Amino acid sequence: MRKSIAESITNTVKDLHKSGLIDQITMNNIESLCLPEILEEILADE
């Protein structure tokens, strides 16, 4: 469940960035908050 939430947030942020509503710094900050959880789950599945 967490993985899908983190992916949803990351996808939303990417879409907002593409439309110019958020800048690169904000996008990087949000991705850095979400990506560690995704990476931990990927590594745990291996």
C-alpha atoms as a PDB file:
ATOM      1  CA  MET A   1       0.000   0.000   0.000  1.00  0.00           C
ATOM      2  CA  ARG A   2       2.779   2.461   0.872  1.00  0.00           C
ATOM      3  CA  LYS A   3       4.461   1.817  -2.422  1.00  0.00           C
ATOM      4  CA  SER A   4       1.356   2.787  -4.357  1.00  0.00           C
ATOM      5  CA  ILE A   5       0.895   5.948  -2.272  1.00  0.00           C
ATOM      6  CA  ALA A   6       4.510   7.003  -2.805  1.00  0.00           C
ATOM      7  CA  GLU A   7       4.223   6.271  -6.522  1.00  0.00           C
ATOM      8  CA  SER A   8       1.004   8.292  -6.742  1.00  0.00           C
ATOM      9  CA  ILE A   9       2.620  11.262  -5.039  1.00  0.00           C
ATOM     10  CA  THR A  10       5.692  11.054  -7.250  1.00  0.00           C
ATOM     11  CA  ASN A  11       3.570  10.815 -10.412  1.00  0.00           C
ATOM     12  CA  THR A  12       1.430  13.768  -9.339  1.00  0.00           C
ATOM     13  CA  VAL A  13       4.512  15.869  -8.623  1.00  0.00           C
ATOM     14  CA  LYS A  14       5.974  14.983 -12.018  1.00  0.00           C
ATOM     15  CA  ASP A  15       2.736  16.046 -13.720  1.00  0.00           C
ATOM     16  CA  LEU A  16       2.660  19.324 -11.776  1.00  0.00           C
ATOM     17  CA  HIS A  17       6.268  19.962 -12.767  1.00  0.00           C
ATOM     18  CA  LYS A  18       5.531  19.278 -16.443  1.00  0.00           C
ATOM     19  CA  SER A  19       2.677  21.794 -16.343  1.00  0.00           C
ATOM     20  CA  GLY A  20       4.909  24.377 -14.676  1.00  0.00           C
ATOM     21  CA  LEU A  21       3.059  24.532 -11.370  1.00  0.00           C
ATOM     22  CA  ILE A  22       6.063  23.471  -9.277  1.00  0.00           C
ATOM     23  CA  ASP A  23       9.776  24.029  -9.788  1.00  0.00           C
ATOM     24  CA  GLN A  24      12.605  21.512 -10.040  1.00  0.00           C
ATOM     25  CA  ILE A  25      13.732  22.068  -6.449  1.00  0.00           C
ATOM     26  CA  THR A  26      10.296  21.219  -5.055  1.00  0.00           C
ATOM     27  CA  MET A  27      10.079  18.177  -7.299  1.00  0.00           C
ATOM     28  CA  ASN A  28      13.470  16.946  -6.104  1.00  0.00           C
ATOM     29  CA  ASN A  29      12.504  17.480  -2.466  1.00  0.00           C
ATOM     30  CA  ILE A  30       9.313  15.467  -2.772  1.00  0.00           C
ATOM     31  CA  GLU A  31      11.012  12.689  -4.742  1.00  0.00           C
ATOM     32  CA  SER A  32      13.740  12.426  -2.106  1.00  0.00           C
ATOM     33  CA  LEU A  33      11.046  11.954   0.534  1.00  0.00           C
ATOM     34  CA  CYS A  34       9.244   9.241  -1.445  1.00  0.00           C
ATOM     35  CA  LEU A  35      11.993   7.327  -3.200  1.00  0.00           C
ATOM     36  CA  PRO A  36      13.757   5.823  -0.160  1.00  0.00           C
ATOM     37  CA  GLU A  37      10.579   3.959   0.803  1.00  0.00           C
ATOM     38  CA  ILE A  38      10.184   2.590  -2.711  1.00  0.00           C
ATOM     39  CA  LEU A  39      13.821   1.505  -2.850  1.00  0.00           C
ATOM     40  CA  GLU A  40      13.567  -0.222   0.542  1.00  0.00           C
ATOM     41  CA  GLU A  41      10.555  -2.220  -0.618  1.00  0.00           C
ATOM     42  CA  ILE A  42      12.231  -3.169  -3.893  1.00  0.00           C
ATOM     43  CA  LEU A  43      15.308  -4.401  -2.056  1.00  0.00           C
ATOM     44  CA  ALA A  44      13.170  -6.301   0.457  1.00  0.00           C
ATOM     45  CA  ASP A  45      11.383  -8.132  -2.396  1.00  0.00           C
ATOM     46  CA  GLU A  46      14.654  -9.429  -3.863  1.00  0.00           C
END
